[in-house]
Amino acid sequence: MKTFRIINLILPLIIIFSLFSCDLSDNTTEFKVVPEVIILKKVINDTTKYAVAYYAYANKGIESAQVTPPGSSSAVELNTYEEAVITFAKVPDESDFSTVMPEFGQYNFNVQSKDGDIVEDFDVLTDIFLDTPVFSKIAFNSQNMSVRVEWSPVLNSDKYFVRLLNSDREMIYTGYEVDPDSTGYTMRTTDAGWDQVPLSGSNYTLQLNAVSYENNIDLTEYYYHVNAISIAENEITWNSN
């Protein structure tokens, strides 16, 4: 479930409102939830590690949400995401990544609305992985303050997007998704994806994300059906080649 700017990992909330036609003040509206589980893969200190992200998207305000992984009796608590009452999530920190693969199979969601309605639903995490992307070029253009990023194609990737993190690993830029046949992207300081202005000479983490979606989905709602994201990172100094 994700959009053109796949938030912290993921998404502009206007997508949710438009897909659900939300009316948060209407107690007669049927409570609907879309559950989402995503496997994340990245290389940390030359070691491949994994983590899982959970999301529950609703058409009304959520009071609580839990996810029970396959073969487990313990539920994972989700919390409100980005102060959006219709989205609860648990997004992994860097320390949550592990060499241990997550459990594949059915993840059961239990979501309660602020009106007391309860929805039980599930999402299935498959063992379909993406290779970690590999940068082939990172080049600054000091004349127009842009960065050209290029990479080798990743088999079975459906989309790519880039992000920039500051030294505190806070996201300061998220680019728009590009199609699977694309092997390059240009970051410009005039783009709409900036949350913070990059400083010349400062160090940042450039992140390239390859995305795969679940099979047999409605293409009008593919943002809601991400299966896996594979992440490559490279340390850069802004405005330096």
Protein backbone atom coordinates (compact mmCIF):
# COMPACT_ATOMS: atom_id res chain seq x y z
CA MET A 1 0.00 0.00 0.00
CA LYS A 2 2.10 2.83 -0.99
CA THR A 3 2.35 5.89 -3.13
CA PHE A 4 4.62 7.91 -5.32
CA ARG A 5 6.63 8.87 -2.23
CA ILE A 6 6.74 5.59 -0.38
CA ILE A 7 6.78 6.98 3.15
CA ASN A 8 9.28 6.75 5.96
CA LEU A 9 8.75 4.15 4.06
CA ILE A 10 5.61 5.31 2.58
CA LEU A 11 2.69 7.61 1.63
CA PRO A 12 0.75 10.79 1.11
CA LEU A 13 -2.46 10.43 3.05
CA ILE A 14 -4.55 11.95 0.26
CA ILE A 15 -4.31 8.57 -1.48
CA ILE A 16 -6.01 6.89 1.44
CA PHE A 17 -8.77 9.47 1.58
CA SER A 18 -9.42 9.21 -2.14
CA LEU A 19 -9.49 5.40 -2.22
CA PHE A 20 -11.69 5.02 0.83
CA SER A 21 -13.84 8.15 0.38
CA CYS A 22 -13.37 8.75 4.08
CA ASP A 23 -15.97 10.42 6.27
CA LEU A 24 -14.42 10.40 9.71
CA SER A 25 -17.46 11.98 11.34
CA ASP A 26 -20.04 9.50 9.96
CA ASN A 27 -20.71 6.79 12.54
CA THR A 28 -22.93 4.92 10.07
CA THR A 29 -20.10 4.31 7.59
CA GLU A 30 -18.92 0.71 7.48
CA PHE A 31 -15.45 0.39 8.99
CA LYS A 32 -13.01 -0.86 6.34
CA VAL A 33 -9.34 -1.74 6.76
CA VAL A 34 -6.58 -2.66 4.35
CA PRO A 35 -3.77 -4.62 6.09
CA GLU A 36 -0.23 -4.54 4.76
CA VAL A 37 2.98 -6.42 5.56
CA ILE A 38 6.22 -5.62 3.71
CA ILE A 39 9.57 -7.41 3.85
CA LEU A 40 12.57 -5.07 3.80
CA LYS A 41 16.04 -6.17 2.75
CA LYS A 42 19.26 -4.20 2.90
CA VAL A 43 23.01 -4.67 3.21
CA ILE A 44 24.46 -3.32 6.46
CA ASN A 45 28.24 -3.51 6.93
CA ASP A 46 28.48 -6.01 4.05
CA THR A 47 25.84 -8.25 5.67
CA THR A 48 22.35 -8.82 4.22
CA LYS A 49 19.66 -8.15 6.82
CA TYR A 50 15.86 -8.20 6.91
CA ALA A 51 12.99 -6.51 8.71
CA VAL A 52 9.21 -6.29 8.43
CA ALA A 53 6.99 -3.21 8.22
CA TYR A 54 3.30 -3.33 9.18
CA TYR A 55 0.51 -0.95 8.14
CA ALA A 56 -3.23 -0.79 8.75
CA TYR A 57 -5.11 1.72 6.57
CA ALA A 58 -8.74 2.54 7.35
CA ASN A 59 -11.59 4.76 6.23
CA LYS A 60 -12.34 5.87 9.82
CA GLY A 61 -10.32 6.74 12.89
CA ILE A 62 -8.42 3.79 14.40
CA GLU A 63 -8.36 3.22 18.16
CA SER A 64 -6.00 0.24 18.19
CA ALA A 65 -4.37 -2.28 15.84
CA GLN A 66 -2.43 -5.50 16.37
CA VAL A 67 -0.76 -7.99 14.04
CA THR A 68 -0.07 -11.64 14.87
CA PRO A 69 2.72 -13.19 12.77
CA PRO A 70 2.47 -16.78 11.47
CA GLY A 71 3.03 -19.41 14.15
CA SER A 72 3.05 -16.84 16.95
CA SER A 73 0.65 -16.27 19.83
CA SER A 74 2.07 -12.80 20.55
CA ALA A 75 0.64 -9.79 18.75
CA VAL A 76 2.66 -6.81 17.51
CA GLU A 77 1.16 -3.47 18.54
CA LEU A 78 0.82 -0.81 15.86
CA ASN A 79 0.73 2.90 16.62
CA THR A 80 -0.68 5.95 14.91
CA TYR A 81 1.45 6.89 11.94
CA GLU A 82 2.44 10.46 11.12
CA GLU A 83 -0.41 11.70 13.35
CA ALA A 84 -2.92 10.24 10.89
CA VAL A 85 -5.88 8.72 12.76
CA ILE A 86 -6.72 6.47 9.82
CA THR A 87 -3.25 4.90 9.62
CA PHE A 88 -1.54 2.71 12.22
CA ALA A 89 1.90 1.25 11.59
CA LYS A 90 5.09 -0.23 12.93
CA VAL A 91 8.10 0.76 10.83
CA PRO A 92 11.45 -0.86 11.69
CA ASP A 93 14.41 1.13 12.98
CA GLU A 94 17.92 0.37 11.83
CA SER A 95 18.43 -1.81 14.92
CA ASP A 96 15.42 -3.96 13.98
CA PHE A 97 17.16 -5.36 10.91
CA SER A 98 18.46 -8.89 11.43
CA THR A 99 20.17 -11.68 9.52
CA VAL A 100 17.19 -13.87 10.45
CA MET A 101 14.54 -13.97 7.73
CA PRO A 102 11.01 -13.08 8.79
CA GLU A 103 8.26 -15.68 8.94
CA PHE A 104 6.43 -16.13 5.65
CA GLY A 105 2.72 -16.77 5.52
CA GLN A 106 -0.45 -15.21 6.88
CA TYR A 107 -0.23 -12.20 9.21
CA ASN A 108 -3.51 -11.66 11.06
CA PHE A 109 -4.68 -8.12 11.80
CA ASN A 110 -7.15 -7.06 14.48
CA VAL A 111 -8.13 -3.40 14.10
CA GLN A 112 -10.63 -1.46 16.22
CA SER A 113 -12.16 1.85 15.19
CA LYS A 114 -12.73 4.77 17.52
CA ASP A 115 -16.45 3.86 17.30
CA GLY A 116 -15.73 0.39 18.68
CA ASP A 117 -16.10 -1.52 15.41
CA ILE A 118 -13.61 -4.37 14.91
CA VAL A 119 -12.21 -5.71 11.65
CA GLU A 120 -10.18 -8.89 11.44
CA ASP A 121 -8.28 -9.36 8.21
CA PHE A 122 -4.91 -10.64 7.00
CA ASP A 123 -2.06 -10.10 4.59
CA VAL A 124 0.22 -12.83 3.25
CA LEU A 125 3.98 -12.31 3.17
CA THR A 126 5.58 -14.36 0.40
CA ASP A 127 9.20 -15.46 0.10
CA ILE A 128 9.75 -13.47 -3.08
CA PHE A 129 12.90 -11.40 -2.62
CA LEU A 130 14.56 -8.73 -4.69
CA ASP A 131 18.30 -8.49 -5.11
CA THR A 132 19.83 -5.46 -3.45
CA PRO A 133 20.23 -2.64 -6.00
CA VAL A 134 23.74 -1.66 -7.06
CA PHE A 135 24.71 1.95 -7.81
CA SER A 136 26.54 2.41 -11.11
CA LYS A 137 26.83 6.21 -10.99
CA ILE A 138 26.40 9.06 -8.51
CA ALA A 139 27.32 12.45 -10.00
CA PHE A 140 26.70 16.04 -8.88
CA ASN A 141 26.02 18.91 -11.23
CA SER A 142 27.07 22.06 -9.38
CA GLN A 143 25.56 24.34 -12.04
CA ASN A 144 21.97 23.27 -11.44
CA MET A 145 22.52 21.67 -8.01
CA SER A 146 21.31 18.24 -9.07
CA VAL A 147 22.47 14.68 -8.47
CA ARG A 148 22.32 12.02 -11.15
CA VAL A 149 21.83 8.52 -9.74
CA GLU A 150 22.11 5.43 -11.93
CA TRP A 151 21.90 1.72 -11.14
CA SER A 152 21.93 -1.76 -12.60
CA PRO A 153 18.48 -3.31 -13.23
CA VAL A 154 17.04 -5.49 -10.46
CA LEU A 155 15.23 -8.61 -11.66
CA ASN A 156 11.48 -8.60 -10.87
CA SER A 157 11.48 -5.03 -9.57
CA ASP A 158 8.26 -3.15 -10.33
CA LYS A 159 9.40 0.35 -9.32
CA TYR A 160 12.41 2.27 -7.99
CA PHE A 161 12.67 5.37 -5.83
CA VAL A 162 15.47 7.27 -4.12
CA ARG A 163 15.67 8.94 -0.72
CA LEU A 164 18.20 11.08 1.10
CA LEU A 165 18.83 10.79 4.85
CA ASN A 166 20.73 13.21 7.07
CA SER A 167 23.37 12.25 9.64
CA ASP A 168 20.59 11.44 12.15
CA ARG A 169 19.04 9.11 9.54
CA GLU A 170 16.06 11.42 9.20
CA MET A 171 14.51 11.43 5.75
CA ILE A 172 14.99 14.82 4.09
CA TYR A 173 14.12 13.87 0.50
CA THR A 174 11.96 11.28 -1.23
CA GLY A 175 11.81 11.04 -5.00
CA TYR A 176 8.96 9.87 -7.15
CA GLU A 177 8.78 6.26 -8.24
CA VAL A 178 10.16 5.36 -11.66
CA ASP A 179 9.26 2.37 -13.83
CA PRO A 180 11.17 -0.95 -13.83
CA ASP A 181 12.85 -0.25 -17.17
CA SER A 182 14.41 2.91 -15.73
CA THR A 183 18.04 2.76 -14.62
CA GLY A 184 18.51 6.36 -13.53
CA TYR A 185 16.98 9.29 -11.66
CA THR A 186 17.96 12.95 -11.22
CA MET A 187 17.49 14.62 -7.83
CA ARG A 188 16.98 18.37 -8.14
CA THR A 189 16.82 20.94 -5.38
CA THR A 190 13.68 22.28 -7.09
CA ASP A 191 11.85 18.94 -6.61
CA ALA A 192 8.78 18.82 -4.38
CA GLY A 193 10.15 15.92 -2.33
CA TRP A 194 12.38 17.93 0.02
CA ASP A 195 11.65 18.23 3.74
CA GLN A 196 14.99 19.91 4.44
CA VAL A 197 17.43 21.88 2.28
CA PRO A 198 20.72 19.97 1.73
CA LEU A 199 23.85 21.84 2.77
CA SER A 200 26.93 21.96 0.57
CA GLY A 201 29.76 19.96 2.13
CA SER A 202 27.47 18.05 4.51
CA ASN A 203 27.34 14.26 4.61
CA TYR A 204 24.18 12.33 3.73
CA THR A 205 23.05 8.78 3.06
CA LEU A 206 21.74 8.23 -0.46
CA GLN A 207 19.23 5.40 -0.56
CA LEU A 208 18.04 3.49 -3.63
CA ASN A 209 14.92 1.36 -3.17
CA ALA A 210 13.70 -1.40 -5.49
CA VAL A 211 10.04 -2.31 -5.00
CA SER A 212 7.98 -5.37 -5.92
CA TYR A 213 4.20 -5.62 -5.70
CA GLU A 214 1.99 -8.58 -4.93
CA ASN A 215 0.80 -10.73 -7.82
CA ASN A 216 -2.68 -10.56 -9.36
CA ILE A 217 -3.59 -7.15 -7.97
CA ASP A 218 -5.81 -4.36 -9.24
CA LEU A 219 -3.38 -2.01 -10.93
CA THR A 220 -5.43 1.00 -9.77
CA GLU A 221 -4.60 0.08 -6.16
CA TYR A 222 -1.09 -1.33 -6.45
CA TYR A 223 0.18 1.11 -3.82
CA TYR A 224 -1.76 -0.97 -1.32
CA HIS A 225 -0.03 -4.19 -2.24
CA VAL A 226 3.73 -3.88 -1.84
CA ASN A 227 5.39 -7.21 -1.12
CA ALA A 228 9.08 -6.36 -0.82
CA ILE A 229 11.50 -3.44 -0.80
CA SER A 230 15.23 -3.96 -1.27
CA ILE A 231 17.50 -1.09 -0.23
CA ALA A 232 21.00 0.04 -1.24
CA GLU A 233 22.81 2.87 0.56
CA ASN A 234 25.83 5.03 -0.22
CA GLU A 235 27.39 7.80 1.85
CA ILE A 236 27.77 11.08 -0.09
CA THR A 237 28.93 14.61 0.52
CA TRP A 238 26.53 17.12 -0.98
CA ASN A 239 27.89 19.03 -3.98
CA SER A 240 31.04 16.94 -4.18
CA ASN A 241 32.06 14.40 -6.84
